[in-house]
Amino acid sequence: MAVIGMGHIHLAMPVGQEDIARSFYEGLLGLKEVAKPQHLAALGGCWFETNGVRIHLGVEDDFSPASKAHPGLVVSDLPPRDCAGCSRVSDIGRRTRPRVS
């Protein structure tokens, strides 16, 4: 047996923050929101997919942000840090770092 890919990554999120998640994952990163299966939709959260990348956000009542765990997304056209367009990232309270190879 060999791992040949990843089906999705599941991340926790706080209750009622779906609109903030949408503004980041869909509005900024361009991932498209996809409908959750009906039996999971009532639980909250949201799912995003594009180009084989699948991120599932699930609501946790006692959510606490992870101190280190995170997905490392590679993007093709994030503006340089010194460019005015980068304000889109800081406007939603997120930091950027150059890619580490």
N, C-alpha and C. Protein backbone atom coordinates (compact mmCIF):
# COMPACT_ATOMS: atom_id res chain seq x y z
N MET A 1 0.84 -1.17 0.00
CA MET A 1 0.00 0.00 0.00
C MET A 1 0.89 1.24 0.00
N ALA A 2 0.44 2.29 -0.72
CA ALA A 2 1.16 3.56 -0.76
C ALA A 2 0.16 4.71 -0.76
N VAL A 3 0.46 5.74 -0.03
CA VAL A 3 -0.38 6.94 -0.05
C VAL A 3 -0.13 7.64 -1.38
N ILE A 4 -1.21 7.95 -2.10
CA ILE A 4 -1.06 8.57 -3.42
C ILE A 4 -1.70 9.95 -3.51
N GLY A 5 -2.22 10.44 -2.42
CA GLY A 5 -2.83 11.76 -2.41
C GLY A 5 -3.56 11.98 -1.11
N MET A 6 -4.28 13.07 -1.05
CA MET A 6 -5.06 13.38 0.14
C MET A 6 -6.49 13.68 -0.30
N GLY A 7 -7.45 13.04 0.36
CA GLY A 7 -8.85 13.27 0.02
C GLY A 7 -9.30 14.66 0.43
N HIS A 8 -9.01 15.04 1.66
CA HIS A 8 -9.33 16.38 2.16
C HIS A 8 -8.62 16.59 3.49
N ILE A 9 -8.60 17.83 3.92
CA ILE A 9 -8.13 18.15 5.26
C ILE A 9 -9.33 18.72 6.01
N HIS A 10 -9.47 18.31 7.25
CA HIS A 10 -10.59 18.78 8.08
C HIS A 10 -10.02 19.68 9.17
N LEU A 11 -10.53 20.92 9.22
CA LEU A 11 -10.08 21.88 10.22
C LEU A 11 -11.25 22.29 11.09
N ALA A 12 -10.98 22.57 12.34
CA ALA A 12 -12.02 23.02 13.26
C ALA A 12 -12.21 24.52 13.13
N MET A 13 -13.43 24.97 13.40
CA MET A 13 -13.73 26.39 13.39
C MET A 13 -14.75 26.70 14.48
N PRO A 14 -14.83 27.97 14.92
CA PRO A 14 -15.81 28.32 15.96
C PRO A 14 -17.23 28.37 15.42
N VAL A 15 -18.17 28.20 16.30
CA VAL A 15 -19.59 28.26 15.95
C VAL A 15 -19.93 29.63 15.37
N GLY A 16 -20.70 29.63 14.29
CA GLY A 16 -21.23 30.86 13.72
C GLY A 16 -20.26 31.71 12.93
N GLN A 17 -19.10 31.17 12.58
CA GLN A 17 -18.09 31.96 11.85
C GLN A 17 -17.99 31.57 10.38
N GLU A 18 -19.03 30.95 9.84
CA GLU A 18 -18.99 30.53 8.44
C GLU A 18 -18.76 31.69 7.47
N ASP A 19 -19.36 32.84 7.72
CA ASP A 19 -19.18 33.98 6.81
C ASP A 19 -17.74 34.46 6.79
N ILE A 20 -17.07 34.43 7.92
CA ILE A 20 -15.65 34.80 7.96
C ILE A 20 -14.83 33.77 7.19
N ALA A 21 -15.14 32.50 7.36
CA ALA A 21 -14.45 31.45 6.61
C ALA A 21 -14.66 31.63 5.11
N ARG A 22 -15.87 31.94 4.72
CA ARG A 22 -16.16 32.16 3.29
C ARG A 22 -15.37 33.34 2.74
N SER A 23 -15.25 34.41 3.52
CA SER A 23 -14.52 35.58 3.03
C SER A 23 -13.05 35.25 2.80
N PHE A 24 -12.50 34.35 3.61
CA PHE A 24 -11.10 33.97 3.44
C PHE A 24 -10.91 32.92 2.36
N TYR A 25 -11.57 31.77 2.52
CA TYR A 25 -11.33 30.65 1.60
C TYR A 25 -11.92 30.87 0.21
N GLU A 26 -13.09 31.47 0.14
CA GLU A 26 -13.72 31.70 -1.16
C GLU A 26 -13.37 33.09 -1.69
N GLY A 27 -13.57 34.12 -0.85
CA GLY A 27 -13.35 35.49 -1.30
C GLY A 27 -11.91 35.81 -1.62
N LEU A 28 -10.98 35.40 -0.75
CA LEU A 28 -9.58 35.73 -0.95
C LEU A 28 -8.83 34.66 -1.75
N LEU A 29 -8.95 33.40 -1.33
CA LEU A 29 -8.18 32.33 -1.96
C LEU A 29 -8.83 31.77 -3.22
N GLY A 30 -10.12 32.03 -3.42
CA GLY A 30 -10.78 31.57 -4.64
C GLY A 30 -11.24 30.13 -4.64
N LEU A 31 -11.24 29.46 -3.47
CA LEU A 31 -11.78 28.12 -3.41
C LEU A 31 -13.30 28.23 -3.48
N LYS A 32 -13.94 27.31 -4.15
CA LYS A 32 -15.39 27.34 -4.30
C LYS A 32 -16.04 26.55 -3.18
N GLU A 33 -17.06 27.15 -2.57
CA GLU A 33 -17.81 26.41 -1.55
C GLU A 33 -18.64 25.34 -2.21
N VAL A 34 -18.63 24.16 -1.63
CA VAL A 34 -19.44 23.05 -2.13
C VAL A 34 -20.42 22.65 -1.03
N ALA A 35 -21.57 22.16 -1.46
CA ALA A 35 -22.60 21.76 -0.50
C ALA A 35 -22.14 20.55 0.30
N LYS A 36 -22.38 20.61 1.60
CA LYS A 36 -22.12 19.46 2.45
C LYS A 36 -23.27 18.47 2.27
N PRO A 37 -23.02 17.18 2.50
CA PRO A 37 -24.13 16.23 2.47
C PRO A 37 -25.22 16.66 3.45
N GLN A 38 -26.46 16.40 3.11
CA GLN A 38 -27.59 16.88 3.89
C GLN A 38 -27.49 16.51 5.37
N HIS A 39 -27.05 15.29 5.66
CA HIS A 39 -26.98 14.87 7.06
C HIS A 39 -25.87 15.58 7.85
N LEU A 40 -24.95 16.26 7.16
CA LEU A 40 -23.90 17.01 7.83
C LEU A 40 -24.15 18.52 7.82
N ALA A 41 -24.96 18.99 6.90
CA ALA A 41 -25.19 20.43 6.74
C ALA A 41 -25.74 21.08 8.01
N ALA A 42 -26.59 20.39 8.71
CA ALA A 42 -27.20 20.95 9.92
C ALA A 42 -26.19 21.14 11.05
N LEU A 43 -25.02 20.54 10.94
CA LEU A 43 -24.00 20.65 11.98
C LEU A 43 -23.18 21.94 11.88
N GLY A 44 -23.38 22.71 10.82
CA GLY A 44 -22.60 23.93 10.61
C GLY A 44 -21.30 23.65 9.91
N GLY A 45 -20.50 24.69 9.75
CA GLY A 45 -19.25 24.56 9.03
C GLY A 45 -19.46 24.72 7.54
N CYS A 46 -18.40 24.57 6.78
CA CYS A 46 -18.49 24.67 5.33
C CYS A 46 -17.32 23.95 4.68
N TRP A 47 -17.53 23.56 3.42
CA TRP A 47 -16.52 22.84 2.66
C TRP A 47 -16.14 23.65 1.43
N PHE A 48 -14.86 23.62 1.09
CA PHE A 48 -14.34 24.34 -0.08
C PHE A 48 -13.48 23.41 -0.91
N GLU A 49 -13.52 23.59 -2.24
CA GLU A 49 -12.73 22.76 -3.14
C GLU A 49 -12.30 23.56 -4.37
N THR A 50 -11.12 23.25 -4.87
CA THR A 50 -10.66 23.74 -6.17
C THR A 50 -9.38 23.01 -6.54
N ASN A 51 -9.23 22.68 -7.80
CA ASN A 51 -7.99 22.08 -8.31
C ASN A 51 -7.47 20.93 -7.46
N GLY A 52 -8.34 20.08 -6.98
CA GLY A 52 -7.93 18.93 -6.18
C GLY A 52 -7.66 19.24 -4.72
N VAL A 53 -7.79 20.50 -4.31
CA VAL A 53 -7.63 20.88 -2.91
C VAL A 53 -9.00 20.88 -2.26
N ARG A 54 -9.14 20.13 -1.18
CA ARG A 54 -10.43 20.05 -0.47
C ARG A 54 -10.20 20.37 1.00
N ILE A 55 -10.89 21.42 1.46
CA ILE A 55 -10.79 21.84 2.86
C ILE A 55 -12.18 21.79 3.46
N HIS A 56 -12.33 20.98 4.50
CA HIS A 56 -13.60 20.86 5.21
C HIS A 56 -13.45 21.54 6.56
N LEU A 57 -14.32 22.49 6.84
CA LEU A 57 -14.31 23.19 8.12
C LEU A 57 -15.49 22.70 8.94
N GLY A 58 -15.21 22.17 10.11
CA GLY A 58 -16.24 21.66 11.00
C GLY A 58 -16.32 22.48 12.27
N VAL A 59 -17.53 22.76 12.71
CA VAL A 59 -17.77 23.56 13.90
C VAL A 59 -17.48 22.76 15.17
N GLU A 60 -16.80 23.40 16.11
CA GLU A 60 -16.58 22.82 17.43
C GLU A 60 -17.11 23.80 18.47
N ASP A 61 -17.99 23.33 19.34
CA ASP A 61 -18.57 24.20 20.37
C ASP A 61 -17.51 24.81 21.27
N ASP A 62 -16.52 24.04 21.63
CA ASP A 62 -15.47 24.53 22.52
C ASP A 62 -14.18 24.79 21.74
N PHE A 63 -14.33 25.41 20.58
CA PHE A 63 -13.20 25.66 19.68
C PHE A 63 -12.06 26.41 20.37
N SER A 64 -10.86 25.93 20.11
CA SER A 64 -9.64 26.59 20.55
C SER A 64 -8.67 26.49 19.38
N PRO A 65 -8.16 27.62 18.88
CA PRO A 65 -7.27 27.55 17.72
C PRO A 65 -6.03 26.71 18.01
N ALA A 66 -5.61 25.95 17.03
CA ALA A 66 -4.39 25.17 17.16
C ALA A 66 -3.19 26.12 17.26
N SER A 67 -2.25 25.79 18.09
CA SER A 67 -1.09 26.67 18.25
C SER A 67 -0.08 26.49 17.12
N LYS A 68 -0.03 25.30 16.51
CA LYS A 68 0.95 25.07 15.45
C LYS A 68 0.35 24.38 14.22
N ALA A 69 -0.63 23.53 14.37
CA ALA A 69 -1.15 22.77 13.24
C ALA A 69 -1.82 23.70 12.24
N HIS A 70 -1.56 23.47 10.95
CA HIS A 70 -2.13 24.30 9.90
C HIS A 70 -1.90 23.64 8.55
N PRO A 71 -2.74 23.97 7.56
CA PRO A 71 -2.44 23.52 6.20
C PRO A 71 -1.49 24.53 5.56
N GLY A 72 -0.59 24.06 4.76
CA GLY A 72 0.32 24.95 4.03
C GLY A 72 -0.14 25.02 2.58
N LEU A 73 -0.89 26.04 2.25
CA LEU A 73 -1.42 26.18 0.90
C LEU A 73 -0.42 26.90 0.00
N VAL A 74 -0.26 26.40 -1.21
CA VAL A 74 0.62 27.03 -2.19
C VAL A 74 -0.29 27.74 -3.19
N VAL A 75 -0.07 29.03 -3.39
CA VAL A 75 -0.89 29.81 -4.32
C VAL A 75 -0.01 30.38 -5.42
N SER A 76 -0.64 30.68 -6.55
CA SER A 76 0.15 31.12 -7.71
C SER A 76 0.28 32.63 -7.81
N ASP A 77 -0.61 33.38 -7.23
CA ASP A 77 -0.58 34.81 -7.51
C ASP A 77 -0.88 35.70 -6.31
N LEU A 78 -0.44 35.30 -5.13
CA LEU A 78 -0.59 36.17 -3.97
C LEU A 78 0.36 37.34 -4.16
N PRO A 79 -0.14 38.56 -4.02
CA PRO A 79 0.74 39.71 -4.27
C PRO A 79 1.90 39.76 -3.30
N PRO A 80 3.02 40.36 -3.72
CA PRO A 80 4.16 40.51 -2.80
C PRO A 80 3.76 41.31 -1.57
N ARG A 81 4.48 41.13 -0.49
CA ARG A 81 4.13 41.79 0.76
C ARG A 81 4.15 43.31 0.66
N ASP A 82 4.98 43.87 -0.19
CA ASP A 82 5.07 45.31 -0.27
C ASP A 82 4.11 45.91 -1.28
N CYS A 83 3.26 45.10 -1.86
CA CYS A 83 2.33 45.60 -2.88
C CYS A 83 1.00 45.98 -2.25
N ALA A 84 0.35 46.96 -2.79
CA ALA A 84 -0.92 47.45 -2.24
C ALA A 84 -2.00 46.37 -2.22
N GLY A 85 -1.97 45.45 -3.17
CA GLY A 85 -2.97 44.39 -3.21
C GLY A 85 -2.90 43.46 -2.02
N CYS A 86 -1.77 43.44 -1.35
CA CYS A 86 -1.60 42.57 -0.18
C CYS A 86 -2.52 43.01 0.95
N SER A 87 -3.05 44.21 0.88
CA SER A 87 -3.95 44.68 1.93
C SER A 87 -5.18 43.80 2.03
N ARG A 88 -5.53 43.08 0.94
CA ARG A 88 -6.67 42.16 1.01
C ARG A 88 -6.47 41.13 2.10
N VAL A 89 -5.24 40.66 2.28
CA VAL A 89 -4.94 39.67 3.31
C VAL A 89 -5.00 40.32 4.69
N SER A 90 -4.33 41.45 4.85
CA SER A 90 -4.31 42.10 6.16
C SER A 90 -5.68 42.64 6.54
N ASP A 91 -6.51 42.98 5.55
CA ASP A 91 -7.85 43.49 5.85
C ASP A 91 -8.69 42.47 6.60
N ILE A 92 -8.42 41.19 6.40
CA ILE A 92 -9.19 40.17 7.12
C ILE A 92 -8.39 39.60 8.29
N GLY A 93 -7.32 40.30 8.64
CA GLY A 93 -6.58 39.94 9.85
C GLY A 93 -5.64 38.77 9.70
N ARG A 94 -5.13 38.54 8.51
CA ARG A 94 -4.23 37.41 8.29
C ARG A 94 -2.86 37.91 7.86
N ARG A 95 -1.84 37.15 8.22
CA ARG A 95 -0.47 37.47 7.84
C ARG A 95 -0.05 36.59 6.68
N THR A 96 0.93 37.05 5.92
CA THR A 96 1.52 36.25 4.85
C THR A 96 2.99 36.05 5.14
N ARG A 97 3.52 34.96 4.63
CA ARG A 97 4.95 34.70 4.72
C ARG A 97 5.42 34.22 3.37
N PRO A 98 6.67 34.53 3.00
CA PRO A 98 7.19 34.00 1.75
C PRO A 98 7.26 32.48 1.80
N ARG A 99 7.16 31.84 0.65
CA ARG A 99 7.22 30.39 0.58
C ARG A 99 8.59 29.90 1.02
N VAL A 100 8.59 28.87 1.82
CA VAL A 100 9.82 28.23 2.27
C VAL A 100 9.99 26.96 1.46
N SER A 101 11.08 26.85 0.75
CA SER A 101 11.30 25.67 -0.10
C SER A 101 12.10 24.63 0.65
